[in-house]
Amino acid sequence: MFGSLSEETLRKEAYCRPGDLRDRLEAVYTMFPVLAERQRSLAAALSSGQQQMLAIGRALMTDPTLLIRDEPSLGLSPLLVNFVFDTIQSLNEKV
């Protein structure tokens, strides 16, 4: 899915949108604290749930007006499925 460091993956996405990179990165880390803990890990070494969080975080770094996800629960445990869908619902409520 991703090969570089997880924080580097997030930062790359942010450069396509103007604004404060640090604020967006902090928002992603607030939403997904495990990514803050694993920010120096290879993204490919993250668990499948962490990779899903990274994928969502990567999309959020662009400050999107619309977020479309294909199979966000693929390969996740039931606990992580609930977490991912709760996160998506929370994002939807913020709009």
PDB file of N, CA and C in Angstrom:
ATOM      1  N   MET A   1       0.828  -1.186   0.000  1.00  0.00           N
ATOM      2  CA  MET A   1       0.000   0.000   0.000  1.00  0.00           C
ATOM      3  C   MET A   1       0.879   1.258   0.000  1.00  0.00           C
ATOM      4  N   PHE A   2       1.747   1.384   1.003  1.00  0.00           N
ATOM      5  CA  PHE A   2       2.642   2.522   1.112  1.00  0.00           C
ATOM      6  C   PHE A   2       4.020   1.971   1.439  1.00  0.00           C
ATOM      7  N   GLY A   3       5.070   2.640   1.009  1.00  0.00           N
ATOM      8  CA  GLY A   3       6.396   2.147   1.317  1.00  0.00           C
ATOM      9  C   GLY A   3       7.202   3.042   2.218  1.00  0.00           C
ATOM     10  N   SER A   4       6.969   4.341   2.155  1.00  0.00           N
ATOM     11  CA  SER A   4       7.805   5.275   2.903  1.00  0.00           C
ATOM     12  C   SER A   4       7.359   5.378   4.352  1.00  0.00           C
ATOM     13  N   LEU A   5       8.026   6.201   5.108  1.00  0.00           N
ATOM     14  CA  LEU A   5       7.647   6.420   6.499  1.00  0.00           C
ATOM     15  C   LEU A   5       6.228   6.965   6.569  1.00  0.00           C
ATOM     16  N   SER A   6       5.517   6.614   7.610  1.00  0.00           N
ATOM     17  CA  SER A   6       4.108   7.021   7.690  1.00  0.00           C
ATOM     18  C   SER A   6       3.939   8.536   7.737  1.00  0.00           C
ATOM     19  N   GLU A   7       4.771   9.256   8.487  1.00  0.00           N
ATOM     20  CA  GLU A   7       4.616  10.718   8.509  1.00  0.00           C
ATOM     21  C   GLU A   7       4.966  11.322   7.160  1.00  0.00           C
ATOM     22  N   GLU A   8       5.968  10.784   6.508  1.00  0.00           N
ATOM     23  CA  GLU A   8       6.340  11.283   5.176  1.00  0.00           C
ATOM     24  C   GLU A   8       5.180  11.110   4.202  1.00  0.00           C
ATOM     25  N   THR A   9       4.479   9.981   4.320  1.00  0.00           N
ATOM     26  CA  THR A   9       3.317   9.725   3.470  1.00  0.00           C
ATOM     27  C   THR A   9       2.252  10.801   3.676  1.00  0.00           C
ATOM     28  N   LEU A  10       2.012  11.175   4.922  1.00  0.00           N
ATOM     29  CA  LEU A  10       1.018  12.211   5.217  1.00  0.00           C
ATOM     30  C   LEU A  10       1.470  13.570   4.691  1.00  0.00           C
ATOM     31  N   ARG A  11       2.719  13.906   4.903  1.00  0.00           N
ATOM     32  CA  ARG A  11       3.233  15.209   4.486  1.00  0.00           C
ATOM     33  C   ARG A  11       3.193  15.388   2.971  1.00  0.00           C
ATOM     34  N   LYS A  12       3.455  14.331   2.228  1.00  0.00           N
ATOM     35  CA  LYS A  12       3.441  14.417   0.763  1.00  0.00           C
ATOM     36  C   LYS A  12       2.085  14.882   0.254  1.00  0.00           C
ATOM     37  N   GLU A  13       1.038  14.389   0.861  1.00  0.00           N
ATOM     38  CA  GLU A  13      -0.312  14.750   0.421  1.00  0.00           C
ATOM     39  C   GLU A  13      -0.625  16.203   0.696  1.00  0.00           C
ATOM     40  N   ALA A  14      -0.090  16.746   1.753  1.00  0.00           N
ATOM     41  CA  ALA A  14      -0.428  18.104   2.173  1.00  0.00           C
ATOM     42  C   ALA A  14       0.098  19.168   1.221  1.00  0.00           C
ATOM     43  N   TYR A  15       1.109  18.866   0.468  1.00  0.00           N
ATOM     44  CA  TYR A  15       1.710  19.885  -0.381  1.00  0.00           C
ATOM     45  C   TYR A  15       0.833  20.295  -1.559  1.00  0.00           C
ATOM     46  N   CYS A  16      -0.197  19.529  -1.834  1.00  0.00           N
ATOM     47  CA  CYS A  16      -1.079  19.900  -2.948  1.00  0.00           C
ATOM     48  C   CYS A  16      -2.146  20.907  -2.514  1.00  0.00           C
ATOM     49  N   ARG A  17      -2.207  21.223  -1.215  1.00  0.00           N
ATOM     50  CA  ARG A  17      -3.188  22.183  -0.716  1.00  0.00           C
ATOM     51  C   ARG A  17      -2.484  23.264   0.099  1.00  0.00           C
ATOM     52  N   PRO A  18      -2.821  24.513  -0.134  1.00  0.00           N
ATOM     53  CA  PRO A  18      -2.223  25.563   0.686  1.00  0.00           C
ATOM     54  C   PRO A  18      -2.762  25.502   2.117  1.00  0.00           C
ATOM     55  N   GLY A  19      -2.053  26.077   3.021  1.00  0.00           N
ATOM     56  CA  GLY A  19      -2.492  26.103   4.409  1.00  0.00           C
ATOM     57  C   GLY A  19      -1.404  25.578   5.317  1.00  0.00           C
ATOM     58  N   ASP A  20      -1.739  25.472   6.573  1.00  0.00           N
ATOM     59  CA  ASP A  20      -0.760  25.076   7.564  1.00  0.00           C
ATOM     60  C   ASP A  20      -0.653  23.560   7.660  1.00  0.00           C
ATOM     61  N   LEU A  21       0.454  23.054   7.187  1.00  0.00           N
ATOM     62  CA  LEU A  21       0.729  21.620   7.224  1.00  0.00           C
ATOM     63  C   LEU A  21       0.692  21.099   8.653  1.00  0.00           C
ATOM     64  N   ARG A  22       1.260  21.843   9.575  1.00  0.00           N
ATOM     65  CA  ARG A  22       1.345  21.396  10.963  1.00  0.00           C
ATOM     66  C   ARG A  22      -0.046  21.211  11.563  1.00  0.00           C
ATOM     67  N   ASP A  23      -0.976  22.127  11.268  1.00  0.00           N
ATOM     68  CA  ASP A  23      -2.340  22.012  11.798  1.00  0.00           C
ATOM     69  C   ASP A  23      -3.028  20.764  11.265  1.00  0.00           C
ATOM     70  N   ARG A  24      -2.877  20.517   9.981  1.00  0.00           N
ATOM     71  CA  ARG A  24      -3.515  19.330   9.389  1.00  0.00           C
ATOM     72  C   ARG A  24      -2.899  18.046   9.930  1.00  0.00           C
ATOM     73  N   LEU A  25      -1.586  18.033  10.077  1.00  0.00           N
ATOM     74  CA  LEU A  25      -0.904  16.862  10.617  1.00  0.00           C
ATOM     75  C   LEU A  25      -1.351  16.617  12.060  1.00  0.00           C
ATOM     76  N   GLU A  26      -1.453  17.672  12.835  1.00  0.00           N
ATOM     77  CA  GLU A  26      -1.910  17.545  14.222  1.00  0.00           C
ATOM     78  C   GLU A  26      -3.347  17.026  14.278  1.00  0.00           C
ATOM     79  N   ALA A  27      -4.193  17.470  13.358  1.00  0.00           N
ATOM     80  CA  ALA A  27      -5.584  16.991  13.324  1.00  0.00           C
ATOM     81  C   ALA A  27      -5.638  15.492  13.032  1.00  0.00           C
ATOM     82  N   VAL A  28      -4.805  15.041  12.108  1.00  0.00           N
ATOM     83  CA  VAL A  28      -4.766  13.605  11.787  1.00  0.00           C
ATOM     84  C   VAL A  28      -4.254  12.823  12.999  1.00  0.00           C
ATOM     85  N   TYR A  29      -3.205  13.326  13.647  1.00  0.00           N
ATOM     86  CA  TYR A  29      -2.658  12.634  14.814  1.00  0.00           C
ATOM     87  C   TYR A  29      -3.633  12.651  15.993  1.00  0.00           C
ATOM     88  N   THR A  30      -4.462  13.679  16.101  1.00  0.00           N
ATOM     89  CA  THR A  30      -5.482  13.713  17.140  1.00  0.00           C
ATOM     90  C   THR A  30      -6.550  12.665  16.851  1.00  0.00           C
ATOM     91  N   MET A  31      -6.915  12.549  15.592  1.00  0.00           N
ATOM     92  CA  MET A  31      -7.923  11.571  15.193  1.00  0.00           C
ATOM     93  C   MET A  31      -7.395  10.141  15.300  1.00  0.00           C
ATOM     94  N   PHE A  32      -6.120   9.959  14.965  1.00  0.00           N
ATOM     95  CA  PHE A  32      -5.496   8.635  14.967  1.00  0.00           C
ATOM     96  C   PHE A  32      -4.195   8.683  15.776  1.00  0.00           C
ATOM     97  N   PRO A  33      -4.284   8.655  17.111  1.00  0.00           N
ATOM     98  CA  PRO A  33      -3.078   8.760  17.944  1.00  0.00           C
ATOM     99  C   PRO A  33      -2.029   7.690  17.653  1.00  0.00           C
ATOM    100  N   VAL A  34      -2.473   6.533  17.213  1.00  0.00           N
ATOM    101  CA  VAL A  34      -1.505   5.466  16.914  1.00  0.00           C
ATOM    102  C   VAL A  34      -0.564   5.880  15.781  1.00  0.00           C
ATOM    103  N   LEU A  35      -1.044   6.720  14.860  1.00  0.00           N
ATOM    104  CA  LEU A  35      -0.166   7.198  13.787  1.00  0.00           C
ATOM    105  C   LEU A  35       0.915   8.120  14.326  1.00  0.00           C
ATOM    106  N   ALA A  36       0.584   8.884  15.349  1.00  0.00           N
ATOM    107  CA  ALA A  36       1.591   9.743  15.988  1.00  0.00           C
ATOM    108  C   ALA A  36       2.669   8.872  16.637  1.00  0.00           C
ATOM    109  N   GLU A  37       2.230   7.789  17.256  1.00  0.00           N
ATOM    110  CA  GLU A  37       3.176   6.875  17.894  1.00  0.00           C
ATOM    111  C   GLU A  37       4.058   6.161  16.870  1.00  0.00           C
ATOM    112  N   ARG A  38       3.502   5.901  15.707  1.00  0.00           N
ATOM    113  CA  ARG A  38       4.216   5.127  14.680  1.00  0.00           C
ATOM    114  C   ARG A  38       4.722   5.998  13.536  1.00  0.00           C
ATOM    115  N   GLN A  39       4.850   7.311  13.740  1.00  0.00           N
ATOM    116  CA  GLN A  39       5.176   8.233  12.656  1.00  0.00           C
ATOM    117  C   GLN A  39       6.520   7.957  12.004  1.00  0.00           C
ATOM    118  N   ARG A  40       7.422   7.294  12.673  1.00  0.00           N
ATOM    119  CA  ARG A  40       8.730   6.980  12.089  1.00  0.00           C
ATOM    120  C   ARG A  40       8.797   5.557  11.534  1.00  0.00           C
ATOM    121  N   SER A  41       7.687   4.841  11.640  1.00  0.00           N
ATOM    122  CA  SER A  41       7.636   3.469  11.123  1.00  0.00           C
ATOM    123  C   SER A  41       7.427   3.474   9.621  1.00  0.00           C
ATOM    124  N   LEU A  42       7.917   2.444   8.969  1.00  0.00           N
ATOM    125  CA  LEU A  42       7.595   2.282   7.560  1.00  0.00           C
ATOM    126  C   LEU A  42       6.099   2.064   7.443  1.00  0.00           C
ATOM    127  N   ALA A  43       5.496   2.749   6.530  1.00  0.00           N
ATOM    128  CA  ALA A  43       4.051   2.615   6.357  1.00  0.00           C
ATOM    129  C   ALA A  43       3.677   1.178   6.003  1.00  0.00           C
ATOM    130  N   ALA A  44       4.517   0.518   5.239  1.00  0.00           N
ATOM    131  CA  ALA A  44       4.237  -0.869   4.857  1.00  0.00           C
ATOM    132  C   ALA A  44       4.307  -1.808   6.061  1.00  0.00           C
ATOM    133  N   ALA A  45       4.966  -1.385   7.145  1.00  0.00           N
ATOM    134  CA  ALA A  45       5.085  -2.213   8.344  1.00  0.00           C
ATOM    135  C   ALA A  45       3.917  -2.018   9.309  1.00  0.00           C
ATOM    136  N   LEU A  46       3.023  -1.076   9.017  1.00  0.00           N
ATOM    137  CA  LEU A  46       1.860  -0.854   9.866  1.00  0.00           C
ATOM    138  C   LEU A  46       0.871  -1.994   9.711  1.00  0.00           C
ATOM    139  N   SER A  47       0.069  -2.216  10.741  1.00  0.00           N
ATOM    140  CA  SER A  47      -0.985  -3.224  10.638  1.00  0.00           C
ATOM    141  C   SER A  47      -2.007  -2.772   9.595  1.00  0.00           C
ATOM    142  N   SER A  48      -2.874  -3.680   9.196  1.00  0.00           N
ATOM    143  CA  SER A  48      -3.869  -3.311   8.175  1.00  0.00           C
ATOM    144  C   SER A  48      -4.792  -2.208   8.692  1.00  0.00           C
ATOM    145  N   GLY A  49      -5.137  -2.238   9.967  1.00  0.00           N
ATOM    146  CA  GLY A  49      -5.964  -1.175  10.534  1.00  0.00           C
ATOM    147  C   GLY A  49      -5.247   0.153  10.546  1.00  0.00           C
ATOM    148  N   GLN A  50      -3.961   0.128  10.894  1.00  0.00           N
ATOM    149  CA  GLN A  50      -3.168   1.350  10.886  1.00  0.00           C
ATOM    150  C   GLN A  50      -2.983   1.872   9.472  1.00  0.00           C
ATOM    151  N   GLN A  51      -2.870   0.983   8.508  1.00  0.00           N
ATOM    152  CA  GLN A  51      -2.770   1.415   7.114  1.00  0.00           C
ATOM    153  C   GLN A  51      -4.063   2.072   6.646  1.00  0.00           C
ATOM    154  N   GLN A  52      -5.210   1.573   7.118  1.00  0.00           N
ATOM    155  CA  GLN A  52      -6.484   2.213   6.783  1.00  0.00           C
ATOM    156  C   GLN A  52      -6.539   3.608   7.397  1.00  0.00           C
ATOM    157  N   MET A  53      -6.067   3.724   8.639  1.00  0.00           N
ATOM    158  CA  MET A  53      -6.028   5.036   9.285  1.00  0.00           C
ATOM    159  C   MET A  53      -5.104   5.969   8.513  1.00  0.00           C
ATOM    160  N   LEU A  54      -3.977   5.451   8.073  1.00  0.00           N
ATOM    161  CA  LEU A  54      -3.035   6.248   7.296  1.00  0.00           C
ATOM    162  C   LEU A  54      -3.660   6.683   5.973  1.00  0.00           C
ATOM    163  N   ALA A  55      -4.411   5.799   5.338  1.00  0.00           N
ATOM    164  CA  ALA A  55      -5.066   6.143   4.071  1.00  0.00           C
ATOM    165  C   ALA A  55      -6.092   7.255   4.280  1.00  0.00           C
ATOM    166  N   ILE A  56      -6.861   7.156   5.361  1.00  0.00           N
ATOM    167  CA  ILE A  56      -7.839   8.208   5.652  1.00  0.00           C
ATOM    168  C   ILE A  56      -7.110   9.503   6.001  1.00  0.00           C
ATOM    169  N   GLY A  57      -6.088   9.391   6.831  1.00  0.00           N
ATOM    170  CA  GLY A  57      -5.305  10.567   7.200  1.00  0.00           C
ATOM    171  C   GLY A  57      -4.652  11.229   6.006  1.00  0.00           C
ATOM    172  N   ARG A  58      -4.171  10.407   5.105  1.00  0.00           N
ATOM    173  CA  ARG A  58      -3.549  10.916   3.874  1.00  0.00           C
ATOM    174  C   ARG A  58      -4.551  11.735   3.072  1.00  0.00           C
ATOM    175  N   ALA A  59      -5.758  11.230   2.967  1.00  0.00           N
ATOM    176  CA  ALA A  59      -6.801  11.962   2.248  1.00  0.00           C
ATOM    177  C   ALA A  59      -7.151  13.255   2.977  1.00  0.00           C
ATOM    178  N   LEU A  60      -7.213  13.212   4.298  1.00  0.00           N
ATOM    179  CA  LEU A  60      -7.568  14.400   5.073  1.00  0.00           C
ATOM    180  C   LEU A  60      -6.501  15.484   4.994  1.00  0.00           C
ATOM    181  N   MET A  61      -5.270  15.114   4.719  1.00  0.00           N
ATOM    182  CA  MET A  61      -4.188  16.093   4.613  1.00  0.00           C
ATOM    183  C   MET A  61      -4.418  17.054   3.447  1.00  0.00           C
ATOM    184  N   THR A  62      -5.253  16.662   2.495  1.00  0.00           N
ATOM    185  CA  THR A  62      -5.542  17.532   1.354  1.00  0.00           C
ATOM    186  C   THR A  62      -6.699  18.484   1.639  1.00  0.00           C
ATOM    187  N   ASP A  63      -7.261  18.396   2.847  1.00  0.00           N
ATOM    188  CA  ASP A  63      -8.402  19.224   3.239  1.00  0.00           C
ATOM    189  C   ASP A  63      -9.547  19.081   2.232  1.00  0.00           C
ATOM    190  N   PRO A  64     -10.020  17.849   2.031  1.00  0.00           N
ATOM    191  CA  PRO A  64     -11.020  17.605   0.983  1.00  0.00           C
ATOM    192  C   PRO A  64     -12.406  18.139   1.335  1.00  0.00           C
ATOM    193  N   THR A  65     -13.191  18.386   0.320  1.00  0.00           N
ATOM    194  CA  THR A  65     -14.599  18.717   0.530  1.00  0.00           C
ATOM    195  C   THR A  65     -15.452  17.459   0.395  1.00  0.00           C
ATOM    196  N   LEU A  66     -14.876  16.420  -0.202  1.00  0.00           N
ATOM    197  CA  LEU A  66     -15.556  15.139  -0.368  1.00  0.00           C
ATOM    198  C   LEU A  66     -14.534  14.032  -0.174  1.00  0.00           C
ATOM    199  N   LEU A  67     -14.909  13.034   0.613  1.00  0.00           N
ATOM    200  CA  LEU A  67     -14.030  11.892   0.860  1.00  0.00           C
ATOM    201  C   LEU A  67     -14.773  10.632   0.450  1.00  0.00           C
ATOM    202  N   ILE A  68     -14.244   9.943  -0.538  1.00  0.00           N
ATOM    203  CA  ILE A  68     -14.847   8.698  -1.005  1.00  0.00           C
ATOM    204  C   ILE A  68     -13.877   7.568  -0.675  1.00  0.00           C
ATOM    205  N   ARG A  69     -14.378   6.546  -0.007  1.00  0.00           N
ATOM    206  CA  ARG A  69     -13.538   5.410   0.375  1.00  0.00           C
ATOM    207  C   ARG A  69     -14.112   4.152  -0.238  1.00  0.00           C
ATOM    208  N   ASP A  70     -13.252   3.324  -0.774  1.00  0.00           N
ATOM    209  CA  ASP A  70     -13.651   2.042  -1.332  1.00  0.00           C
ATOM    210  C   ASP A  70     -13.219   0.947  -0.370  1.00  0.00           C
ATOM    211  N   GLU A  71     -14.159   0.219   0.149  1.00  0.00           N
ATOM    212  CA  GLU A  71     -13.917  -0.892   1.060  1.00  0.00           C
ATOM    213  C   GLU A  71     -13.045  -0.514   2.257  1.00  0.00           C
ATOM    214  N   PRO A  72     -13.466   0.478   3.043  1.00  0.00           N
ATOM    215  CA  PRO A  72     -12.643   0.897   4.174  1.00  0.00           C
ATOM    216  C   PRO A  72     -12.503  -0.158   5.263  1.00  0.00           C
ATOM    217  N   SER A  73     -13.326  -1.198   5.224  1.00  0.00           N
ATOM    218  CA  SER A  73     -13.244  -2.227   6.262  1.00  0.00           C
ATOM    219  C   SER A  73     -12.533  -3.495   5.787  1.00  0.00           C
ATOM    220  N   LEU A  74     -12.006  -3.482   4.591  1.00  0.00           N
ATOM    221  CA  LEU A  74     -11.374  -4.670   4.024  1.00  0.00           C
ATOM    222  C   LEU A  74     -10.215  -5.155   4.896  1.00  0.00           C
ATOM    223  N   GLY A  75     -10.309  -6.390   5.350  1.00  0.00           N
ATOM    224  CA  GLY A  75      -9.235  -7.011   6.114  1.00  0.00           C
ATOM    225  C   GLY A  75      -9.101  -6.564   7.554  1.00  0.00           C
ATOM    226  N   LEU A  76     -10.085  -5.840   8.064  1.00  0.00           N
ATOM    227  CA  LEU A  76      -9.988  -5.337   9.433  1.00  0.00           C
ATOM    228  C   LEU A  76     -10.761  -6.213  10.406  1.00  0.00           C
ATOM    229  N   SER A  77     -10.323  -6.207  11.651  1.00  0.00           N
ATOM    230  CA  SER A  77     -11.050  -6.907  12.708  1.00  0.00           C
ATOM    231  C   SER A  77     -12.355  -6.156  12.970  1.00  0.00           C
ATOM    232  N   PRO A  78     -13.340  -6.836  13.543  1.00  0.00           N
ATOM    233  CA  PRO A  78     -14.617  -6.162  13.825  1.00  0.00           C
ATOM    234  C   PRO A  78     -14.449  -4.897  14.674  1.00  0.00           C
ATOM    235  N   LEU A  79     -13.540  -4.910  15.631  1.00  0.00           N
ATOM    236  CA  LEU A  79     -13.304  -3.737  16.462  1.00  0.00           C
ATOM    237  C   LEU A  79     -12.805  -2.560  15.624  1.00  0.00           C
ATOM    238  N   LEU A  80     -11.878  -2.824  14.722  1.00  0.00           N
ATOM    239  CA  LEU A  80     -11.349  -1.761  13.871  1.00  0.00           C
ATOM    240  C   LEU A  80     -12.362  -1.312  12.825  1.00  0.00           C
ATOM    241  N   VAL A  81     -13.199  -2.224  12.372  1.00  0.00           N
ATOM    242  CA  VAL A  81     -14.268  -1.840  11.436  1.00  0.00           C
ATOM    243  C   VAL A  81     -15.153  -0.796  12.100  1.00  0.00           C
ATOM    244  N   ASN A  82     -15.550  -1.051  13.340  1.00  0.00           N
ATOM    245  CA  ASN A  82     -16.382  -0.086  14.063  1.00  0.00           C
ATOM    246  C   ASN A  82     -15.662   1.241  14.228  1.00  0.00           C
ATOM    247  N   PHE A  83     -14.369   1.190  14.554  1.00  0.00           N
ATOM    248  CA  PHE A  83     -13.594   2.419  14.728  1.00  0.00           C
ATOM    249  C   PHE A  83     -13.524   3.214  13.430  1.00  0.00           C
ATOM    250  N   VAL A  84     -13.245   2.543  12.316  1.00  0.00           N
ATOM    251  CA  VAL A  84     -13.137   3.236  11.027  1.00  0.00           C
ATOM    252  C   VAL A  84     -14.479   3.855  10.641  1.00  0.00           C
ATOM    253  N   PHE A  85     -15.568   3.106  10.804  1.00  0.00           N
ATOM    254  CA  PHE A  85     -16.874   3.659  10.436  1.00  0.00           C
ATOM    255  C   PHE A  85     -17.318   4.771  11.387  1.00  0.00           C
ATOM    256  N   ASP A  86     -16.976   4.647  12.666  1.00  0.00           N
ATOM    257  CA  ASP A  86     -17.271   5.741  13.603  1.00  0.00           C
ATOM    258  C   ASP A  86     -16.498   6.998  13.210  1.00  0.00           C
ATOM    259  N   THR A  87     -15.259   6.813  12.790  1.00  0.00           N
ATOM    260  CA  THR A  87     -14.436   7.945  12.355  1.00  0.00           C
ATOM    261  C   THR A  87     -15.025   8.588  11.104  1.00  0.00           C
ATOM    262  N   ILE A  88     -15.438   7.790  10.155  1.00  0.00           N
ATOM    263  CA  ILE A  88     -16.047   8.317   8.924  1.00  0.00           C
ATOM    264  C   ILE A  88     -17.344   9.054   9.263  1.00  0.00           C
ATOM    265  N   GLN A  89     -18.146   8.481  10.163  1.00  0.00           N
ATOM    266  CA  GLN A  89     -19.386   9.157  10.564  1.00  0.00           C
ATOM    267  C   GLN A  89     -19.077  10.478  11.260  1.00  0.00           C
ATOM    268  N   SER A  90     -18.071  10.494  12.102  1.00  0.00           N
ATOM    269  CA  SER A  90     -17.669  11.719  12.788  1.00  0.00           C
ATOM    270  C   SER A  90     -17.226  12.786  11.791  1.00  0.00           C
ATOM    271  N   LEU A  91     -16.489  12.389  10.776  1.00  0.00           N
ATOM    272  CA  LEU A  91     -16.067  13.332   9.743  1.00  0.00           C
ATOM    273  C   LEU A  91     -17.276  13.886   9.001  1.00  0.00           C
ATOM    274  N   ASN A  92     -18.235  13.029   8.727  1.00  0.00           N
ATOM    275  CA  ASN A  92     -19.445  13.449   8.015  1.00  0.00           C
ATOM    276  C   ASN A  92     -20.233  14.458   8.835  1.00  0.00           C
ATOM    277  N   GLU A  93     -20.269  14.275  10.148  1.00  0.00           N
ATOM    278  CA  GLU A  93     -21.014  15.190  11.007  1.00  0.00           C
ATOM    279  C   GLU A  93     -20.364  16.549  11.119  1.00  0.00           C
ATOM    280  N   LYS A  94     -19.079  16.635  10.866  1.00  0.00           N
ATOM    281  CA  LYS A  94     -18.358  17.908  10.944  1.00  0.00           C
ATOM    282  C   LYS A  94     -18.624  18.806   9.743  1.00  0.00           C
ATOM    283  N   VAL A  95     -19.157  18.231   8.686  1.00  0.00           N
ATOM    284  CA  VAL A  95     -19.403  19.011   7.460  1.00  0.00           C
ATOM    285  C   VAL A  95     -20.680  19.792   7.564  1.00  0.00           C
TER     286      VAL A  95
END
